[in-house]
Protein backbone atom coordinates (compact mmCIF):
# COMPACT_ATOMS: atom_id res chain seq x y z
CA UNK A 1 84.97 281.27 0.20
CA UNK A 2 86.50 278.05 -0.68
CA UNK A 3 86.15 278.47 -4.79
CA UNK A 4 87.53 282.06 -4.38
CA UNK A 5 90.09 281.47 -2.27
CA UNK A 6 91.21 278.10 -4.51
CA UNK A 7 90.61 280.05 -7.74
CA UNK A 8 93.09 282.81 -6.39
CA UNK A 9 95.74 280.56 -5.43
CA UNK A 10 95.13 278.45 -8.59
CA UNK A 11 95.45 281.42 -10.70
CA UNK A 12 98.06 282.76 -8.90
CA UNK A 13 100.44 279.81 -8.99
CA UNK A 14 99.04 278.95 -12.65
CA UNK A 15 100.74 282.67 -13.85
CA UNK A 16 103.76 282.08 -11.47
CA UNK A 17 103.74 278.35 -13.41
CA UNK A 18 103.57 280.26 -17.00
CA UNK A 19 106.22 282.45 -15.97
CA UNK A 20 108.47 279.79 -14.28
CA UNK A 21 108.38 277.71 -17.62
CA UNK A 22 109.57 281.05 -19.46
CA UNK A 23 112.47 281.23 -17.15
CA UNK A 24 113.33 277.66 -17.94
CA UNK A 25 112.96 278.66 -21.56
CA UNK A 26 115.18 281.39 -21.08
CA UNK A 27 117.54 279.92 -18.99
CA UNK A 28 118.34 276.62 -20.51
CA UNK A 29 119.14 278.94 -23.92
CA UNK A 30 121.38 281.12 -22.28
CA UNK A 31 123.04 278.47 -20.23
CA UNK A 32 124.95 275.27 -21.76
CA UNK A 33 123.74 272.30 -20.10
CA UNK A 34 127.40 272.33 -17.64
CA UNK A 35 126.34 275.63 -16.46
CA UNK A 36 122.72 274.72 -15.76
CA UNK A 37 123.80 271.56 -14.44
CA UNK A 38 126.13 273.36 -12.10
CA UNK A 39 123.25 275.47 -11.08
CA UNK A 40 121.17 272.46 -10.07
CA UNK A 41 123.54 270.69 -8.23
CA UNK A 42 124.33 273.90 -5.65
CA UNK A 43 121.18 274.48 -5.63
CA UNK A 44 120.51 271.16 -4.52
CA UNK A 45 122.81 271.38 -1.70
CA UNK A 46 120.78 274.74 -0.88
CA UNK A 47 117.29 272.79 -0.43
CA UNK A 48 118.92 270.34 1.81
CA UNK A 49 120.68 273.32 4.09
CA UNK A 50 116.93 274.65 3.95
CA UNK A 51 115.30 272.00 4.77
CA UNK A 52 117.38 270.72 7.70
CA UNK A 53 117.12 273.90 9.23
CA UNK A 54 114.24 276.28 8.25
CA UNK A 55 111.33 274.40 7.31
CA UNK A 56 109.91 272.76 10.91
CA UNK A 57 109.23 275.91 12.23
CA UNK A 58 106.47 277.48 9.67
CA UNK A 59 105.01 273.98 9.34
CA UNK A 60 104.46 273.48 12.96
CA UNK A 61 102.96 277.14 13.25
CA UNK A 62 100.45 276.02 10.57
CA UNK A 63 99.51 272.60 12.75
CA UNK A 64 99.26 274.85 16.05
CA UNK A 65 98.04 278.29 14.86
CA UNK A 66 95.17 279.41 17.32
CA UNK A 67 93.67 282.60 16.36
CA UNK A 68 93.40 284.09 20.09
CA UNK A 69 97.48 283.45 20.39
CA UNK A 70 98.15 284.73 17.04
CA UNK A 71 100.56 287.61 18.24
CA UNK A 72 102.54 285.35 20.66
CA UNK A 73 102.70 282.48 17.88
CA UNK A 74 104.23 284.72 15.14
CA UNK A 75 106.63 286.55 17.11
CA UNK A 76 107.75 283.36 18.36
CA UNK A 77 107.94 281.38 14.75
CA UNK A 78 109.83 284.33 13.46
CA UNK A 79 112.38 284.33 15.93
CA UNK A 80 112.86 280.76 15.29
CA UNK A 81 113.38 281.11 11.62
CA UNK A 82 115.83 283.48 12.23
CA UNK A 83 117.59 281.13 14.80
CA UNK A 84 117.59 278.68 12.13
CA UNK A 85 119.13 280.66 9.40
CA UNK A 86 121.81 281.38 11.49
CA UNK A 87 122.22 277.95 12.36
CA UNK A 88 122.30 277.21 8.64
CA UNK A 89 125.42 279.76 8.32
CA UNK A 90 127.17 277.71 10.80
CA UNK A 91 126.73 274.73 8.74
CA UNK A 92 128.03 276.23 5.96
CA UNK A 93 130.68 278.07 7.36
CA UNK A 94 132.29 274.80 8.98
CA UNK A 95 131.76 272.95 5.56
CA UNK A 96 134.03 276.13 3.85
CA UNK A 97 136.65 275.66 6.44
CA UNK A 98 136.68 271.75 6.21
CA UNK A 99 137.27 272.07 2.69
CA UNK A 100 133.86 270.37 1.32
CA UNK A 101 132.73 273.65 -0.58
CA UNK A 102 134.21 276.86 -1.91
CA UNK A 103 133.34 279.97 -0.11
CA UNK A 104 131.56 281.46 -2.94
CA UNK A 105 129.50 278.23 -3.26
CA UNK A 106 128.63 278.33 0.42
CA UNK A 107 127.84 282.02 0.42
CA UNK A 108 125.44 281.53 -2.26
CA UNK A 109 123.86 278.29 -0.82
CA UNK A 110 123.24 280.28 2.39
CA UNK A 111 121.75 283.27 0.78
CA UNK A 112 119.36 280.70 -1.27
CA UNK A 113 118.37 279.31 1.88
CA UNK A 114 117.71 282.65 3.45
CA UNK A 115 115.92 283.75 0.45
CA UNK A 116 113.49 281.05 0.68
CA UNK A 117 113.19 281.31 4.67
CA UNK A 118 112.35 284.79 4.00
CA UNK A 119 109.36 284.03 1.25
CA UNK A 120 108.17 280.85 2.65
CA UNK A 121 108.05 282.11 6.01
CA UNK A 122 105.87 284.97 5.46
CA UNK A 123 103.67 283.25 2.75
CA UNK A 124 103.11 280.49 5.19
CA UNK A 125 102.14 282.75 8.33
CA UNK A 126 99.89 284.91 5.90
CA UNK A 127 98.27 281.73 4.29
CA UNK A 128 97.13 280.72 7.77
CA UNK A 129 95.48 283.73 8.35
CA UNK A 130 94.20 283.41 4.92
CA UNK A 131 95.31 286.61 3.67
CA UNK A 132 94.83 285.21 -0.21
CA UNK A 133 95.78 288.52 -2.05
CA UNK A 134 98.79 289.04 -0.50
CA UNK A 135 100.26 285.53 -0.73
CA UNK A 136 98.98 285.11 -4.52
CA UNK A 137 100.79 288.48 -4.99
CA UNK A 138 103.90 287.36 -3.69
CA UNK A 139 103.67 284.17 -5.76
CA UNK A 140 103.31 286.15 -8.85
CA UNK A 141 106.12 288.49 -8.14
CA UNK A 142 108.64 285.99 -7.43
CA UNK A 143 107.74 284.60 -10.66
CA UNK A 144 108.62 287.62 -12.39
CA UNK A 145 111.48 288.55 -10.69
CA UNK A 146 113.36 285.14 -11.30
CA UNK A 147 112.89 285.57 -14.76
CA UNK A 148 114.27 288.93 -14.89
CA UNK A 149 117.02 288.77 -12.18
CA UNK A 150 118.10 285.50 -13.43
CA UNK A 151 118.20 286.37 -17.04
CA UNK A 152 120.16 289.54 -16.03
CA UNK A 153 122.59 287.24 -14.23
CA UNK A 154 123.54 284.91 -16.92
CA UNK A 155 123.62 287.53 -19.73
CA UNK A 156 126.18 289.55 -17.62
CA UNK A 157 128.30 286.55 -16.17
CA UNK A 158 126.83 283.46 -17.46
CA UNK A 159 127.59 281.97 -14.29
CA UNK A 160 125.93 279.42 -12.09
CA UNK A 161 126.47 280.89 -8.61
CA UNK A 162 125.36 284.23 -10.15
CA UNK A 163 122.10 282.56 -10.83
CA UNK A 164 121.44 281.06 -7.71
CA UNK A 165 122.36 284.41 -6.04
CA UNK A 166 119.67 286.44 -8.53
CA UNK A 167 116.99 283.91 -7.51
CA UNK A 168 117.52 284.29 -3.79
CA UNK A 169 117.03 288.09 -4.13
CA UNK A 170 114.05 287.25 -6.21
CA UNK A 171 112.88 285.30 -3.04
CA UNK A 172 113.47 288.17 -0.97
CA UNK A 173 111.85 291.06 -2.62
CA UNK A 174 108.81 289.22 -3.73
CA UNK A 175 108.22 288.30 0.10
CA UNK A 176 107.38 292.07 0.78
CA UNK A 177 103.58 291.78 -0.20
CA UNK A 178 103.03 288.85 2.42
CA UNK A 179 105.03 290.65 5.01
CA UNK A 180 103.02 293.87 4.78
CA UNK A 181 99.67 291.93 5.30
CA UNK A 182 101.20 290.42 8.77
CA UNK A 183 103.66 293.70 9.64
CA UNK A 184 101.76 294.28 12.81
CA UNK A 185 102.11 290.72 13.94
CA UNK A 186 105.71 290.50 12.91
CA UNK A 187 106.34 293.15 15.89
CA UNK A 188 105.12 291.21 18.54
CA UNK A 189 107.18 289.45 21.10
CA UNK A 190 108.48 285.70 21.13
CA UNK A 191 107.27 283.40 23.77
CA UNK A 192 108.89 280.75 25.70
CA UNK A 193 105.71 278.59 25.98
CA UNK A 194 105.10 278.88 22.43
CA UNK A 195 108.31 277.87 21.42
CA UNK A 196 108.25 274.81 23.51
CA UNK A 197 104.71 273.92 21.88
CA UNK A 198 106.54 274.40 18.22
CA UNK A 199 109.42 272.32 19.12
CA UNK A 200 107.34 269.51 21.07
CA UNK A 201 105.47 269.15 18.24
CA UNK A 202 108.09 269.98 14.76
CA UNK A 203 111.04 268.16 16.66
CA UNK A 204 110.18 265.32 14.18
CA UNK A 205 109.98 267.47 11.23
CA UNK A 206 113.77 268.73 11.93
CA UNK A 207 114.58 264.82 10.88
CA UNK A 208 111.83 264.90 8.15
CA UNK A 209 112.38 268.04 6.31
CA UNK A 210 116.14 267.69 6.46
CA UNK A 211 115.95 263.68 5.13
CA UNK A 212 113.11 265.14 2.97
CA UNK A 213 115.10 267.31 1.28
CA UNK A 214 118.11 265.14 0.92
CA UNK A 215 115.79 262.31 -0.75
CA UNK A 216 114.31 264.93 -3.14
CA UNK A 217 117.96 265.48 -4.50
CA UNK A 218 120.27 262.60 -3.86
CA UNK A 219 119.41 261.45 -7.50
CA UNK A 220 120.91 264.79 -8.49
CA UNK A 221 123.74 264.62 -6.63
CA UNK A 222 124.39 260.73 -7.77
CA UNK A 223 123.77 262.00 -11.31
CA UNK A 224 126.39 265.06 -10.77
CA UNK A 225 129.21 262.98 -9.39
CA UNK A 226 128.95 259.94 -11.87
CA UNK A 227 127.14 260.73 -14.69
CA UNK A 228 128.18 264.23 -15.08
CA UNK A 229 126.49 268.07 -14.68
CA UNK A 230 125.62 267.96 -18.89
CA UNK A 231 123.30 264.86 -18.26
CA UNK A 232 122.27 266.51 -14.90
CA UNK A 233 121.15 269.56 -16.84
CA UNK A 234 118.63 267.71 -18.73
CA UNK A 235 117.62 265.72 -16.80
CA UNK A 236 116.90 268.18 -14.03
CA UNK A 237 115.19 270.98 -16.17
CA UNK A 238 112.62 268.41 -17.36
CA UNK A 239 112.08 267.46 -13.97
CA UNK A 240 111.72 270.68 -12.27
CA UNK A 241 109.38 271.72 -15.44
CA UNK A 242 107.08 268.39 -14.57
CA UNK A 243 107.23 269.07 -10.77
CA UNK A 244 106.67 272.69 -11.19
CA UNK A 245 103.63 271.92 -13.21
CA UNK A 246 101.82 269.57 -10.77
CA UNK A 247 103.12 271.02 -7.57
CA UNK A 248 101.67 274.56 -8.91
CA UNK A 249 98.43 272.96 -8.14
CA UNK A 250 98.99 270.99 -5.30
CA UNK A 251 100.33 273.71 -3.44
CA UNK A 252 97.45 275.96 -4.35
CA UNK A 253 95.07 273.23 -3.16
CA UNK A 254 96.95 272.83 0.08
CA UNK A 255 97.19 276.89 0.56
CA UNK A 256 93.21 277.08 -0.15
CA UNK A 257 91.20 273.69 0.81
CA UNK A 258 93.81 272.28 3.56
CA UNK A 259 94.02 275.82 5.35
CA UNK A 260 89.82 275.51 5.15
CA UNK A 261 89.81 272.39 6.40
CA UNK A 262 92.08 272.83 9.29
CA UNK A 263 90.10 275.85 10.33
CA UNK A 264 86.72 273.58 10.14
CA UNK A 265 88.69 270.74 11.84
CA UNK A 266 89.66 273.40 14.84
CA UNK A 267 85.80 274.22 15.24
CA UNK A 268 84.32 270.77 14.72
CA UNK A 269 86.85 268.05 14.53
CA UNK A 270 87.85 266.02 11.63
CA UNK A 271 84.12 265.08 10.64
CA UNK A 272 83.60 269.04 9.77
CA UNK A 273 86.59 268.88 7.83
CA UNK A 274 85.89 265.87 5.75
CA UNK A 275 83.77 267.64 2.95
CA UNK A 276 86.40 270.07 1.93
CA UNK A 277 89.44 267.59 2.14
CA UNK A 278 86.86 265.08 -0.35
CA UNK A 279 86.59 267.69 -2.59
CA UNK A 280 90.37 268.60 -2.43
CA UNK A 281 91.16 264.73 -3.11
CA UNK A 282 88.80 265.13 -6.03
CA UNK A 283 90.48 268.03 -7.44
CA UNK A 284 93.89 266.44 -7.46
CA UNK A 285 92.91 263.49 -9.07
CA UNK A 286 91.49 265.40 -11.72
CA UNK A 287 95.01 267.31 -12.07
CA UNK A 288 96.72 264.18 -12.14
CA UNK A 289 94.76 262.46 -14.51
CA UNK A 290 94.24 264.86 -17.07
CA UNK A 291 97.53 266.25 -16.31
CA UNK A 292 99.22 263.16 -17.25
CA UNK A 293 97.27 262.72 -20.32
CA UNK A 294 98.55 266.13 -21.46
CA UNK A 295 102.08 265.51 -20.89
CA UNK A 296 102.25 261.98 -22.36
CA UNK A 297 100.37 263.10 -25.56
CA UNK A 298 102.41 266.08 -26.14
CA UNK A 299 105.82 265.84 -24.69
CA UNK A 300 107.90 266.06 -27.46
CA UNK A 301 106.16 269.37 -28.31
CA UNK A 302 106.71 270.55 -24.91
CA UNK A 303 110.17 269.82 -24.72
CA UNK A 304 111.07 271.34 -28.05
CA UNK A 305 109.06 274.69 -27.13
CA UNK A 306 110.61 274.94 -23.55
CA UNK A 307 114.09 273.33 -23.46
CA UNK A 308 116.99 274.05 -25.74
CA UNK A 309 118.25 271.15 -28.41
CA UNK A 310 120.86 269.73 -25.85
CA UNK A 311 118.42 268.87 -23.41
CA UNK A 312 115.64 267.34 -25.78
CA UNK A 313 116.72 263.67 -26.22
CA UNK A 314 117.48 262.95 -22.23
CA UNK A 315 114.02 264.84 -21.47
CA UNK A 316 112.03 262.54 -23.80
CA UNK A 317 113.65 259.16 -22.11
CA UNK A 318 112.62 259.82 -18.88
CA UNK A 319 109.35 261.74 -19.58
CA UNK A 320 106.97 258.79 -18.58
CA UNK A 321 108.64 258.12 -15.42
CA UNK A 322 109.09 261.66 -14.25
CA UNK A 323 104.97 262.36 -15.00
CA UNK A 324 104.41 259.59 -12.61
CA UNK A 325 107.12 260.68 -9.74
CA UNK A 326 105.69 264.08 -10.06
CA UNK A 327 102.34 262.94 -9.40
CA UNK A 328 103.17 260.95 -6.42
CA UNK A 329 105.00 264.06 -5.08
CA UNK A 330 101.88 266.03 -5.55
CA UNK A 331 99.59 263.34 -3.48
CA UNK A 332 102.12 262.83 -0.57
CA UNK A 333 103.13 266.36 -0.14
CA UNK A 334 99.91 268.19 -0.70
CA UNK A 335 97.17 265.58 0.72
CA UNK A 336 98.18 262.56 2.36
CA UNK A 337 101.34 264.33 4.02
CA UNK A 338 98.69 266.75 5.36
CA UNK A 339 97.20 264.65 7.81
CA UNK A 340 100.18 265.72 10.40
CA UNK A 341 98.38 269.09 10.66
CA UNK A 342 95.14 267.16 12.15
CA UNK A 343 96.91 264.72 14.40
CA UNK A 344 98.87 265.57 17.52
CA UNK A 345 102.22 264.90 16.36
CA UNK A 346 104.48 264.75 12.95
CA UNK A 347 106.37 261.64 13.50
CA UNK A 348 104.55 259.94 10.86
CA UNK A 349 106.35 262.69 8.51
CA UNK A 350 109.52 261.26 9.83
CA UNK A 351 108.64 257.85 8.73
CA UNK A 352 107.83 258.91 5.25
CA UNK A 353 110.69 260.78 4.92
CA UNK A 354 113.24 257.98 5.96
CA UNK A 355 111.23 255.86 3.69
CA UNK A 356 111.46 258.15 1.14
CA UNK A 357 115.60 258.66 1.39
CA UNK A 358 115.90 255.03 1.78
CA UNK A 359 114.25 253.92 -1.52
CA UNK A 360 115.49 257.05 -3.81
CA UNK A 361 118.86 256.76 -2.19
CA UNK A 362 119.48 252.85 -2.48
CA UNK A 363 117.95 252.77 -6.17
CA UNK A 364 119.83 255.63 -7.09
CA UNK A 365 123.03 254.25 -6.04
CA UNK A 366 122.00 250.93 -7.85
CA UNK A 367 120.55 252.12 -11.15
CA UNK A 368 122.07 255.43 -11.82
CA UNK A 369 125.91 254.26 -12.43
CA UNK A 370 124.63 251.39 -14.90
CA UNK A 371 121.13 253.11 -16.53
CA UNK A 372 121.85 257.01 -16.14
CA UNK A 373 118.87 259.26 -16.02
CA UNK A 374 116.25 256.64 -16.68
CA UNK A 375 117.73 254.73 -13.77
CA UNK A 376 117.43 258.33 -11.59
CA UNK A 377 113.55 258.47 -12.51
CA UNK A 378 112.90 254.93 -11.98
CA UNK A 379 114.12 255.55 -8.42
CA UNK A 380 112.49 258.94 -8.15
CA UNK A 381 108.99 257.40 -8.82
CA UNK A 382 109.36 254.16 -6.67
CA UNK A 383 110.56 256.30 -3.74
CA UNK A 384 107.50 258.67 -3.75
CA UNK A 385 105.11 255.71 -4.53
CA UNK A 386 106.47 254.33 -0.78
CA UNK A 387 106.43 257.41 0.86
CA UNK A 388 102.83 257.93 0.05
CA UNK A 389 102.10 254.67 1.01
CA UNK A 390 103.35 255.38 4.47
CA UNK A 391 100.37 258.32 4.93
CA UNK A 392 97.92 255.95 3.58
CA UNK A 393 98.66 252.88 5.66
CA UNK A 394 100.31 254.55 8.95
CA UNK A 395 96.77 256.71 10.18
CA UNK A 396 93.97 254.74 11.70
CA UNK A 397 90.75 256.07 13.11
CA UNK A 398 89.39 259.45 12.53
CA UNK A 399 92.27 261.30 11.97
CA UNK A 400 92.84 260.05 8.41
CA UNK A 401 92.63 261.81 4.93
CA UNK A 402 89.45 260.55 3.14
CA UNK A 403 89.47 258.90 0.00
CA UNK A 404 86.28 259.15 -2.15
CA UNK A 405 87.55 255.94 -4.31
CA UNK A 406 84.40 255.74 -6.81
CA UNK A 407 84.73 258.93 -7.64
CA UNK A 408 88.47 258.85 -7.98
CA UNK A 409 88.08 255.68 -10.43
CA UNK A 410 85.38 257.11 -12.54
CA UNK A 411 87.74 260.40 -13.27
CA UNK A 412 90.89 258.20 -13.91
CA UNK A 413 88.60 256.35 -16.24
CA UNK A 414 87.57 259.63 -17.81
CA UNK A 415 90.92 260.70 -18.28
CA UNK A 416 91.86 257.08 -19.94
CA UNK A 417 89.00 257.58 -22.34
CA UNK A 418 90.13 260.90 -23.35
CA UNK A 419 93.65 259.73 -24.13
CA UNK A 420 92.27 257.01 -26.47
CA UNK A 421 90.10 259.36 -28.20
CA UNK A 422 93.71 261.86 -28.58
CA UNK A 423 95.08 258.66 -29.63
CA UNK A 424 92.51 257.90 -32.21
CA UNK A 425 93.04 261.73 -33.94
CA UNK A 426 96.56 260.87 -33.85
CA UNK A 427 95.92 257.96 -36.32
CA UNK A 428 94.01 260.28 -38.66
CA UNK A 429 95.15 262.51 -41.84
CA UNK A 430 95.71 265.32 -39.41
CA UNK A 431 98.23 263.39 -37.31
CA UNK A 432 100.52 266.25 -35.51
CA UNK A 433 99.14 268.78 -37.85
CA UNK A 434 98.40 272.31 -36.07
CA UNK A 435 94.78 271.38 -36.85
CA UNK A 436 95.16 268.29 -35.25
CA UNK A 437 97.07 269.39 -32.33
CA UNK A 438 94.22 272.33 -31.59
CA UNK A 439 91.51 269.42 -31.82
CA UNK A 440 93.28 267.48 -29.17
CA UNK A 441 93.91 269.75 -26.99
CA UNK A 442 90.28 271.22 -27.34
CA UNK A 443 88.83 267.66 -26.32
CA UNK A 444 91.10 267.48 -23.56
CA UNK A 445 90.18 270.61 -21.95
CA UNK A 446 86.16 270.06 -22.94
CA UNK A 447 86.64 266.22 -20.89
CA UNK A 448 88.28 267.93 -17.98
CA UNK A 449 85.86 270.43 -17.49
CA UNK A 450 82.53 267.74 -18.20
CA UNK A 451 84.51 265.96 -15.29
CA UNK A 452 84.90 268.71 -13.06
CA UNK A 453 80.92 269.75 -13.95
CA UNK A 454 80.25 265.91 -13.10
CA UNK A 455 81.36 265.89 -9.86
CA UNK A 456 80.63 269.68 -9.11
CA UNK A 457 84.29 270.28 -8.01
CA UNK A 458 84.91 273.59 -6.22
CA UNK A 459 81.08 274.13 -6.72
CA UNK A 460 81.45 274.74 -10.34
CA UNK A 461 78.02 273.30 -11.47
CA UNK A 462 76.25 275.33 -8.62
CA UNK A 463 78.35 278.57 -9.63
CA UNK A 464 77.20 278.12 -12.96
CA UNK A 465 73.48 277.42 -11.97
CA UNK A 466 73.56 280.39 -10.00
CA UNK A 467 74.81 282.74 -12.65
CA UNK A 468 72.40 281.56 -15.19
CA UNK A 469 69.62 281.79 -12.74
CA UNK A 470 70.52 285.31 -12.19
CA UNK A 471 70.76 285.92 -16.02
CA UNK A 472 67.54 284.15 -16.60
């Protein structure tokens, strides 16, 4: 089950990531940097609104899910999500009346938050119930629709708000497979007792997700106001590309391995979940180490292929820092941050979110006016690292995420050795010729697969041995 679920999620997320990269390549060529920068700016406010209102119910549901009370829990969380999007609409309406945002932009912000709520809420309920196929289908469908509807919006109007509305519609339509997989439970009635349980556990998440959403976007908000949307377009496009690349794997691992570990913990405590969690830590390290080698070795080629010429220079200036920040984000959100779902309280997440906002916000205000996008990248990397440390140092006793340090060190050393070999190939006559690039990518793939085999990650060595025995 572990390998099948993980590979299903990784496969769907990988395909979705490829489609999202295609979307990025198309959007940055159809939209000037100013238009794409404005889209990112409005989207940032939508993410803040969504994080402050609609995120906590679904994560509380995952933490407290009990198969014997599934109907009442699902019915309750659906009603809570509906109430939260109503609250988000009131906040946006108030901001419009006070003159903080134009009415059309406010409508797009609420629509984007609603689309994310429908998609993420249905996917969270379905993945908690291990409905792997339905969630995977929704993930791929969303990526297809974002590309199609987003491209159509830019071709027809070239407007940033229309692009945001198109992506909101893509989220709603793509939720259909996940919704159908849990349709019988969606008709269940809510329960006041379950609502109190969700709120008791999740109230710190109301603060932490709102603060985290602001922390994740404050660098962009400051760039947009102090440097300009043109620089924001280039910085945000490459940052989203890197974040998407690492998050796709981190999210897949959380969807598969952490869901299974949570089930094991319900049955046998944290000790029963430890083997699965250690495998998740090894897999995340493998992705981080060899992913970093890939992006830093081929960043110039990736930027040229994915982004338009107007985006290239700014993206390359911040590539190493954004890679580091994306890796730390992956570990914070999809491994160490998952500890709250094994604990009785989610307060530690609030502490981590406040730390994230304090470091990124403070450093962004200090560094961006002077150093521009480079200052923003430094702020993001240091902020993600500080928030990750909160989870690492803030848990004691049995309720903590295991860290197989020796294995992690060996995986990192393997990746560094691979980077050295790629650097040596660069110094040969092949240089950056197509044959040399092909050789370097092949070497990287072989090294990553050999490392995965060495640690039997996801049981890959056992599975291959069984297949070979059957063939023999």
